[in-house]
Amino acid sequence: MKKIQVRSRDIERELTQYAISITKKDHVELLEDAFRVLLINHEPAFFEYHDTWVPALKYLQTHPCLRKVTVDMGAIRFIIGGADIMRPGVVAIDEGIAKDDFVVVVDQTHCKPLSVGIALMDSAAMKAITSGKVVKNIHYVGDELWKMV
């Protein structure tokens, strides 16, 4: 496991699409292991997925910066097992989601982040269908990245 100190202003440029603020006081490190993970103040904040930085679930718990797809409580056990998100389990979809956007999947009761995924269609198309996959699951509670740090 290799840790590299990173200047906050350098990484902030790469994360402009998330509208977050990283100050000089924040301790920023790049952790290279099985994944490339960006640690902010010793907490996993972003991971690299196909050359793009994506917010990690632990960061999304305190810094909501992605559009949401809300699922019913019956879908939770499948999602935290790594399954993709299927339309029948979805109860709400944020407006403005485009195909291939990163989204956070939250539960209906507590609105806690369960998974980060890639939208397989835009929000209007998601609402229009009644079956099939709508979000590809790439990071979920209990996976290797969740347990890593």
N, C-alpha and C. Protein backbone atom coordinates (compact mmCIF):
# COMPACT_ATOMS: atom_id res chain seq x y z
N MET A 1 0.85 -1.17 0.00
CA MET A 1 0.00 0.00 0.00
C MET A 1 0.90 1.23 0.00
N LYS A 2 0.67 2.11 -0.95
CA LYS A 2 1.51 3.28 -1.13
C LYS A 2 0.67 4.54 -0.93
N LYS A 3 1.12 5.46 -0.06
CA LYS A 3 0.43 6.72 0.18
C LYS A 3 1.28 7.86 -0.37
N ILE A 4 0.62 8.75 -1.10
CA ILE A 4 1.30 9.89 -1.69
C ILE A 4 0.57 11.15 -1.25
N GLN A 5 1.32 12.11 -0.70
CA GLN A 5 0.74 13.40 -0.31
C GLN A 5 0.37 14.18 -1.57
N VAL A 6 -0.81 14.80 -1.57
CA VAL A 6 -1.30 15.54 -2.73
C VAL A 6 -1.68 16.95 -2.28
N ARG A 7 -1.36 17.94 -3.10
CA ARG A 7 -1.76 19.32 -2.76
C ARG A 7 -3.26 19.48 -3.01
N SER A 8 -3.92 20.14 -2.08
CA SER A 8 -5.37 20.29 -2.15
C SER A 8 -5.82 21.01 -3.42
N ARG A 9 -5.10 22.03 -3.85
CA ARG A 9 -5.54 22.77 -5.04
C ARG A 9 -5.39 21.94 -6.31
N ASP A 10 -4.42 21.02 -6.34
CA ASP A 10 -4.25 20.16 -7.51
C ASP A 10 -5.42 19.20 -7.68
N ILE A 11 -5.85 18.61 -6.57
CA ILE A 11 -6.94 17.65 -6.65
C ILE A 11 -8.29 18.35 -6.80
N GLU A 12 -8.42 19.55 -6.27
CA GLU A 12 -9.68 20.28 -6.37
C GLU A 12 -10.03 20.56 -7.83
N ARG A 13 -9.02 20.79 -8.66
CA ARG A 13 -9.24 21.00 -10.10
C ARG A 13 -9.86 19.77 -10.76
N GLU A 14 -9.44 18.58 -10.31
CA GLU A 14 -9.96 17.34 -10.89
C GLU A 14 -11.37 17.01 -10.41
N LEU A 15 -11.81 17.64 -9.33
CA LEU A 15 -13.11 17.34 -8.74
C LEU A 15 -14.12 18.46 -8.93
N THR A 16 -13.91 19.33 -9.91
CA THR A 16 -14.79 20.49 -10.09
C THR A 16 -16.24 20.10 -10.38
N GLN A 17 -16.49 18.96 -11.03
CA GLN A 17 -17.87 18.58 -11.37
C GLN A 17 -18.70 18.27 -10.13
N TYR A 18 -18.06 18.06 -8.97
CA TYR A 18 -18.80 17.73 -7.75
C TYR A 18 -19.06 18.95 -6.87
N ALA A 19 -18.56 20.11 -7.23
CA ALA A 19 -18.80 21.35 -6.50
C ALA A 19 -18.49 21.20 -5.01
N ILE A 20 -17.31 20.68 -4.72
CA ILE A 20 -16.88 20.56 -3.33
C ILE A 20 -15.70 21.49 -3.11
N SER A 21 -15.44 21.79 -1.88
CA SER A 21 -14.34 22.69 -1.55
C SER A 21 -13.32 21.96 -0.68
N ILE A 22 -12.09 21.96 -1.13
CA ILE A 22 -10.98 21.38 -0.37
C ILE A 22 -10.05 22.53 -0.04
N THR A 23 -9.77 22.73 1.24
CA THR A 23 -8.94 23.85 1.66
C THR A 23 -7.51 23.39 1.94
N LYS A 24 -6.63 24.35 2.19
CA LYS A 24 -5.24 24.04 2.52
C LYS A 24 -5.15 23.26 3.82
N LYS A 25 -6.12 23.44 4.70
CA LYS A 25 -6.10 22.76 5.99
C LYS A 25 -6.46 21.28 5.87
N ASP A 26 -7.11 20.89 4.78
CA ASP A 26 -7.47 19.49 4.57
C ASP A 26 -6.22 18.68 4.23
N HIS A 27 -6.10 17.53 4.84
CA HIS A 27 -4.99 16.61 4.58
C HIS A 27 -5.42 15.67 3.46
N VAL A 28 -4.75 15.77 2.31
CA VAL A 28 -5.14 14.99 1.14
C VAL A 28 -4.02 14.02 0.77
N GLU A 29 -4.39 12.74 0.63
CA GLU A 29 -3.43 11.70 0.25
C GLU A 29 -4.04 10.82 -0.82
N LEU A 30 -3.18 10.29 -1.66
CA LEU A 30 -3.58 9.32 -2.66
C LEU A 30 -3.08 7.96 -2.20
N LEU A 31 -3.99 7.01 -2.07
CA LEU A 31 -3.65 5.66 -1.63
C LEU A 31 -3.73 4.74 -2.84
N GLU A 32 -2.60 4.10 -3.13
CA GLU A 32 -2.57 3.17 -4.27
C GLU A 32 -2.39 1.76 -3.75
N ASP A 33 -3.39 0.94 -3.99
CA ASP A 33 -3.37 -0.45 -3.58
C ASP A 33 -4.12 -1.19 -4.68
N ALA A 34 -5.12 -1.97 -4.35
CA ALA A 34 -5.96 -2.61 -5.35
C ALA A 34 -6.77 -1.54 -6.09
N PHE A 35 -7.04 -0.44 -5.41
CA PHE A 35 -7.77 0.70 -5.97
C PHE A 35 -6.90 1.94 -5.80
N ARG A 36 -7.22 2.97 -6.56
CA ARG A 36 -6.64 4.29 -6.29
C ARG A 36 -7.71 5.06 -5.53
N VAL A 37 -7.41 5.40 -4.29
CA VAL A 37 -8.37 6.05 -3.42
C VAL A 37 -7.79 7.37 -2.94
N LEU A 38 -8.61 8.40 -2.98
CA LEU A 38 -8.22 9.70 -2.49
C LEU A 38 -8.74 9.84 -1.06
N LEU A 39 -7.83 10.06 -0.13
CA LEU A 39 -8.20 10.24 1.27
C LEU A 39 -8.19 11.73 1.59
N ILE A 40 -9.26 12.22 2.18
CA ILE A 40 -9.32 13.60 2.64
C ILE A 40 -9.50 13.52 4.15
N ASN A 41 -8.54 14.09 4.87
CA ASN A 41 -8.52 14.02 6.34
C ASN A 41 -8.60 12.58 6.83
N HIS A 42 -7.85 11.72 6.18
CA HIS A 42 -7.69 10.30 6.54
C HIS A 42 -8.94 9.46 6.32
N GLU A 43 -9.93 9.98 5.62
CA GLU A 43 -11.16 9.24 5.30
C GLU A 43 -11.23 9.03 3.80
N PRO A 44 -11.66 7.85 3.34
CA PRO A 44 -11.80 7.64 1.89
C PRO A 44 -12.88 8.56 1.33
N ALA A 45 -12.50 9.36 0.35
CA ALA A 45 -13.43 10.34 -0.19
C ALA A 45 -13.80 10.04 -1.65
N PHE A 46 -12.82 9.66 -2.46
CA PHE A 46 -13.05 9.39 -3.87
C PHE A 46 -12.24 8.17 -4.28
N PHE A 47 -12.75 7.46 -5.28
CA PHE A 47 -11.99 6.35 -5.85
C PHE A 47 -11.98 6.54 -7.36
N GLU A 48 -10.97 5.97 -7.99
CA GLU A 48 -10.83 6.12 -9.44
C GLU A 48 -11.54 4.98 -10.14
N TYR A 49 -12.41 5.33 -11.08
CA TYR A 49 -13.13 4.34 -11.87
C TYR A 49 -12.99 4.74 -13.33
N HIS A 50 -12.26 3.97 -14.09
CA HIS A 50 -12.00 4.26 -15.51
C HIS A 50 -11.53 5.70 -15.71
N ASP A 51 -10.48 6.08 -15.00
CA ASP A 51 -9.84 7.40 -15.10
C ASP A 51 -10.74 8.55 -14.67
N THR A 52 -11.77 8.29 -13.88
CA THR A 52 -12.65 9.33 -13.36
C THR A 52 -12.75 9.17 -11.85
N TRP A 53 -12.67 10.28 -11.13
CA TRP A 53 -12.82 10.24 -9.68
C TRP A 53 -14.30 10.21 -9.33
N VAL A 54 -14.67 9.25 -8.48
CA VAL A 54 -16.06 9.04 -8.09
C VAL A 54 -16.14 9.12 -6.57
N PRO A 55 -17.14 9.82 -6.02
CA PRO A 55 -17.27 9.89 -4.56
C PRO A 55 -17.51 8.51 -3.95
N ALA A 56 -16.82 8.24 -2.85
CA ALA A 56 -17.00 6.98 -2.12
C ALA A 56 -18.20 7.10 -1.19
N LEU A 57 -18.79 5.97 -0.84
CA LEU A 57 -19.98 5.97 0.02
C LEU A 57 -19.75 6.65 1.36
N LYS A 58 -18.60 6.43 1.97
CA LYS A 58 -18.33 7.04 3.27
C LYS A 58 -18.30 8.56 3.16
N TYR A 59 -17.82 9.09 2.05
CA TYR A 59 -17.80 10.53 1.83
C TYR A 59 -19.22 11.05 1.56
N LEU A 60 -20.00 10.29 0.82
CA LEU A 60 -21.36 10.70 0.49
C LEU A 60 -22.28 10.76 1.70
N GLN A 61 -21.94 10.06 2.77
CA GLN A 61 -22.75 10.11 3.98
C GLN A 61 -22.77 11.51 4.58
N THR A 62 -21.69 12.26 4.42
CA THR A 62 -21.61 13.61 4.99
C THR A 62 -21.55 14.72 3.94
N HIS A 63 -21.28 14.37 2.70
CA HIS A 63 -21.17 15.36 1.62
C HIS A 63 -21.98 14.90 0.40
N PRO A 64 -23.28 15.07 0.41
CA PRO A 64 -24.07 14.63 -0.75
C PRO A 64 -23.75 15.47 -1.99
N CYS A 65 -23.18 14.83 -3.00
CA CYS A 65 -22.80 15.57 -4.21
C CYS A 65 -23.20 14.84 -5.49
N LEU A 66 -24.03 13.81 -5.36
CA LEU A 66 -24.53 13.09 -6.54
C LEU A 66 -26.06 13.08 -6.52
N ARG A 67 -26.66 12.94 -7.70
CA ARG A 67 -28.11 12.78 -7.77
C ARG A 67 -28.48 11.40 -7.24
N LYS A 68 -29.73 11.29 -6.73
CA LYS A 68 -30.13 10.08 -6.02
C LYS A 68 -31.16 9.26 -6.78
N VAL A 69 -31.06 7.95 -6.54
CA VAL A 69 -32.09 6.99 -6.91
C VAL A 69 -32.47 6.31 -5.60
N THR A 70 -33.75 6.37 -5.24
CA THR A 70 -34.21 5.82 -3.97
C THR A 70 -34.87 4.47 -4.21
N VAL A 71 -34.50 3.50 -3.36
CA VAL A 71 -35.05 2.14 -3.51
C VAL A 71 -35.86 1.76 -2.27
N ASP A 72 -36.77 0.80 -2.45
CA ASP A 72 -37.55 0.31 -1.31
C ASP A 72 -36.69 -0.59 -0.44
N MET A 73 -37.18 -0.87 0.75
CA MET A 73 -36.39 -1.63 1.73
C MET A 73 -36.12 -3.07 1.28
N GLY A 74 -36.96 -3.62 0.43
CA GLY A 74 -36.77 -4.98 -0.05
C GLY A 74 -35.58 -5.14 -0.99
N ALA A 75 -35.14 -4.06 -1.59
CA ALA A 75 -34.02 -4.11 -2.54
C ALA A 75 -32.66 -4.05 -1.86
N ILE A 76 -32.63 -3.63 -0.60
CA ILE A 76 -31.36 -3.38 0.08
C ILE A 76 -30.45 -4.60 0.10
N ARG A 77 -30.97 -5.75 0.48
CA ARG A 77 -30.09 -6.94 0.62
C ARG A 77 -29.47 -7.34 -0.71
N PHE A 78 -30.14 -7.08 -1.82
CA PHE A 78 -29.57 -7.40 -3.12
C PHE A 78 -28.48 -6.40 -3.50
N ILE A 79 -28.75 -5.12 -3.23
CA ILE A 79 -27.80 -4.06 -3.58
C ILE A 79 -26.50 -4.21 -2.80
N ILE A 80 -26.59 -4.48 -1.49
CA ILE A 80 -25.36 -4.63 -0.71
C ILE A 80 -24.67 -5.97 -0.96
N GLY A 81 -25.30 -6.79 -1.77
CA GLY A 81 -24.66 -8.01 -2.25
C GLY A 81 -23.98 -7.80 -3.59
N GLY A 82 -24.13 -6.59 -4.16
CA GLY A 82 -23.46 -6.26 -5.41
C GLY A 82 -24.35 -6.25 -6.63
N ALA A 83 -25.65 -6.50 -6.47
CA ALA A 83 -26.56 -6.55 -7.62
C ALA A 83 -26.79 -5.16 -8.21
N ASP A 84 -27.04 -5.12 -9.51
CA ASP A 84 -27.42 -3.88 -10.16
C ASP A 84 -28.82 -3.49 -9.69
N ILE A 85 -29.17 -2.22 -9.88
CA ILE A 85 -30.45 -1.72 -9.39
C ILE A 85 -31.49 -1.93 -10.49
N MET A 86 -32.56 -2.63 -10.11
CA MET A 86 -33.63 -2.96 -11.04
C MET A 86 -34.80 -1.99 -10.84
N ARG A 87 -35.51 -1.68 -11.90
CA ARG A 87 -36.58 -0.70 -11.86
C ARG A 87 -37.69 -1.03 -10.87
N PRO A 88 -38.13 -2.28 -10.70
CA PRO A 88 -39.22 -2.53 -9.76
C PRO A 88 -38.91 -2.11 -8.32
N GLY A 89 -37.65 -2.10 -7.91
CA GLY A 89 -37.29 -1.70 -6.54
C GLY A 89 -37.13 -0.21 -6.35
N VAL A 90 -37.17 0.55 -7.44
CA VAL A 90 -36.95 2.01 -7.37
C VAL A 90 -38.27 2.71 -7.05
N VAL A 91 -38.22 3.60 -6.05
CA VAL A 91 -39.44 4.34 -5.67
C VAL A 91 -39.35 5.82 -6.01
N ALA A 92 -38.14 6.37 -6.18
CA ALA A 92 -37.98 7.78 -6.55
C ALA A 92 -36.69 7.98 -7.33
N ILE A 93 -36.74 8.92 -8.28
CA ILE A 93 -35.60 9.20 -9.14
C ILE A 93 -35.44 10.72 -9.23
N ASP A 94 -34.25 11.23 -8.92
CA ASP A 94 -33.99 12.67 -9.04
C ASP A 94 -34.07 13.08 -10.50
N GLU A 95 -34.53 14.30 -10.73
CA GLU A 95 -34.55 14.88 -12.07
C GLU A 95 -33.12 15.22 -12.50
N GLY A 96 -32.88 15.24 -13.79
CA GLY A 96 -31.60 15.69 -14.32
C GLY A 96 -30.53 14.63 -14.43
N ILE A 97 -30.86 13.39 -14.21
CA ILE A 97 -29.87 12.32 -14.37
C ILE A 97 -29.74 12.02 -15.86
N ALA A 98 -28.52 11.99 -16.34
CA ALA A 98 -28.25 11.65 -17.73
C ALA A 98 -27.66 10.25 -17.80
N LYS A 99 -27.76 9.63 -18.96
CA LYS A 99 -27.16 8.30 -19.15
C LYS A 99 -25.66 8.41 -18.85
N ASP A 100 -25.12 7.43 -18.17
CA ASP A 100 -23.71 7.33 -17.78
C ASP A 100 -23.29 8.29 -16.67
N ASP A 101 -24.23 8.99 -16.02
CA ASP A 101 -23.92 9.79 -14.84
C ASP A 101 -23.69 8.87 -13.65
N PHE A 102 -22.85 9.31 -12.73
CA PHE A 102 -22.70 8.60 -11.47
C PHE A 102 -23.85 9.03 -10.57
N VAL A 103 -24.48 8.07 -9.90
CA VAL A 103 -25.59 8.35 -9.00
C VAL A 103 -25.37 7.60 -7.69
N VAL A 104 -26.01 8.09 -6.64
CA VAL A 104 -25.97 7.39 -5.36
C VAL A 104 -27.34 6.74 -5.16
N VAL A 105 -27.33 5.50 -4.69
CA VAL A 105 -28.57 4.76 -4.42
C VAL A 105 -28.78 4.82 -2.91
N VAL A 106 -29.95 5.31 -2.49
CA VAL A 106 -30.26 5.44 -1.07
C VAL A 106 -31.51 4.64 -0.74
N ASP A 107 -31.65 4.30 0.57
CA ASP A 107 -32.84 3.56 0.98
C ASP A 107 -34.00 4.53 1.26
N GLN A 108 -35.20 4.03 1.15
CA GLN A 108 -36.41 4.83 1.26
C GLN A 108 -36.64 5.36 2.68
N THR A 109 -36.36 4.58 3.69
CA THR A 109 -36.67 4.96 5.06
C THR A 109 -35.68 5.94 5.66
N HIS A 110 -34.39 5.65 5.58
CA HIS A 110 -33.38 6.46 6.25
C HIS A 110 -32.60 7.37 5.30
N CYS A 111 -32.76 7.20 4.00
CA CYS A 111 -32.03 7.96 2.98
C CYS A 111 -30.51 7.84 3.14
N LYS A 112 -30.05 6.67 3.57
CA LYS A 112 -28.62 6.40 3.73
C LYS A 112 -28.06 5.85 2.42
N PRO A 113 -26.85 6.29 2.03
CA PRO A 113 -26.23 5.76 0.82
C PRO A 113 -25.93 4.27 0.93
N LEU A 114 -26.37 3.51 -0.07
CA LEU A 114 -26.14 2.07 -0.12
C LEU A 114 -25.14 1.70 -1.20
N SER A 115 -25.14 2.50 -2.26
CA SER A 115 -24.37 2.13 -3.43
C SER A 115 -24.09 3.35 -4.30
N VAL A 116 -23.00 3.28 -5.04
CA VAL A 116 -22.71 4.26 -6.09
C VAL A 116 -22.77 3.49 -7.39
N GLY A 117 -23.44 4.06 -8.38
CA GLY A 117 -23.57 3.36 -9.64
C GLY A 117 -23.56 4.29 -10.83
N ILE A 118 -23.69 3.69 -11.99
CA ILE A 118 -23.73 4.43 -13.25
C ILE A 118 -25.13 4.29 -13.82
N ALA A 119 -25.76 5.42 -14.12
CA ALA A 119 -27.10 5.40 -14.69
C ALA A 119 -27.04 4.79 -16.09
N LEU A 120 -27.88 3.81 -16.33
CA LEU A 120 -27.92 3.15 -17.63
C LEU A 120 -28.84 3.87 -18.62
N MET A 121 -29.58 4.87 -18.12
CA MET A 121 -30.46 5.69 -18.95
C MET A 121 -30.73 6.99 -18.22
N ASP A 122 -31.34 7.96 -18.90
CA ASP A 122 -31.63 9.22 -18.22
C ASP A 122 -32.85 9.08 -17.30
N SER A 123 -33.10 10.08 -16.47
CA SER A 123 -34.15 9.98 -15.47
C SER A 123 -35.54 9.83 -16.09
N ALA A 124 -35.78 10.47 -17.21
CA ALA A 124 -37.09 10.35 -17.87
C ALA A 124 -37.32 8.92 -18.35
N ALA A 125 -36.29 8.30 -18.92
CA ALA A 125 -36.41 6.92 -19.39
C ALA A 125 -36.58 5.96 -18.21
N MET A 126 -35.89 6.23 -17.10
CA MET A 126 -36.04 5.39 -15.91
C MET A 126 -37.48 5.41 -15.40
N LYS A 127 -38.07 6.59 -15.40
CA LYS A 127 -39.44 6.72 -14.91
C LYS A 127 -40.45 6.06 -15.86
N ALA A 128 -40.12 6.02 -17.14
CA ALA A 128 -41.04 5.50 -18.15
C ALA A 128 -41.13 3.98 -18.17
N ILE A 129 -40.07 3.29 -17.75
CA ILE A 129 -40.09 1.84 -17.81
C ILE A 129 -40.59 1.24 -16.49
N THR A 130 -40.96 -0.03 -16.54
CA THR A 130 -41.44 -0.70 -15.33
C THR A 130 -40.58 -1.90 -14.94
N SER A 131 -39.67 -2.31 -15.81
CA SER A 131 -38.79 -3.45 -15.49
C SER A 131 -37.43 -3.24 -16.13
N GLY A 132 -36.46 -4.03 -15.67
CA GLY A 132 -35.11 -3.97 -16.22
C GLY A 132 -34.14 -3.22 -15.34
N LYS A 133 -32.86 -3.26 -15.71
CA LYS A 133 -31.81 -2.59 -14.97
C LYS A 133 -31.83 -1.10 -15.27
N VAL A 134 -31.63 -0.28 -14.23
CA VAL A 134 -31.57 1.16 -14.43
C VAL A 134 -30.23 1.75 -13.97
N VAL A 135 -29.54 1.07 -13.03
CA VAL A 135 -28.25 1.56 -12.53
C VAL A 135 -27.30 0.38 -12.39
N LYS A 136 -26.08 0.55 -12.91
CA LYS A 136 -25.03 -0.47 -12.75
C LYS A 136 -24.32 -0.16 -11.43
N ASN A 137 -24.26 -1.14 -10.55
CA ASN A 137 -23.66 -1.00 -9.23
C ASN A 137 -22.13 -1.12 -9.33
N ILE A 138 -21.39 -0.08 -8.89
CA ILE A 138 -19.92 -0.16 -8.96
C ILE A 138 -19.24 -0.11 -7.58
N HIS A 139 -19.96 0.35 -6.55
CA HIS A 139 -19.41 0.42 -5.20
C HIS A 139 -20.57 0.37 -4.22
N TYR A 140 -20.50 -0.55 -3.27
CA TYR A 140 -21.63 -0.74 -2.36
C TYR A 140 -21.14 -1.02 -0.94
N VAL A 141 -22.03 -0.86 0.02
CA VAL A 141 -21.72 -1.11 1.42
C VAL A 141 -21.24 -2.55 1.57
N GLY A 142 -20.08 -2.72 2.18
CA GLY A 142 -19.55 -4.05 2.42
C GLY A 142 -18.57 -4.56 1.37
N ASP A 143 -18.36 -3.83 0.28
CA ASP A 143 -17.41 -4.31 -0.74
C ASP A 143 -15.97 -4.04 -0.29
N GLU A 144 -14.99 -4.39 -1.13
CA GLU A 144 -13.58 -4.24 -0.77
C GLU A 144 -13.21 -2.79 -0.50
N LEU A 145 -13.72 -1.88 -1.30
CA LEU A 145 -13.42 -0.47 -1.12
C LEU A 145 -14.01 0.04 0.20
N TRP A 146 -15.19 -0.39 0.54
CA TRP A 146 -15.84 0.00 1.80
C TRP A 146 -15.00 -0.45 3.00
N LYS A 147 -14.46 -1.67 2.92
CA LYS A 147 -13.68 -2.23 4.02
C LYS A 147 -12.22 -1.78 4.02
N MET A 148 -11.77 -1.20 2.92
CA MET A 148 -10.36 -0.91 2.71
C MET A 148 -9.75 0.02 3.76
N VAL A 149 -10.39 1.08 4.05
CA VAL A 149 -9.80 2.08 4.97
C VAL A 149 -10.70 2.27 6.15
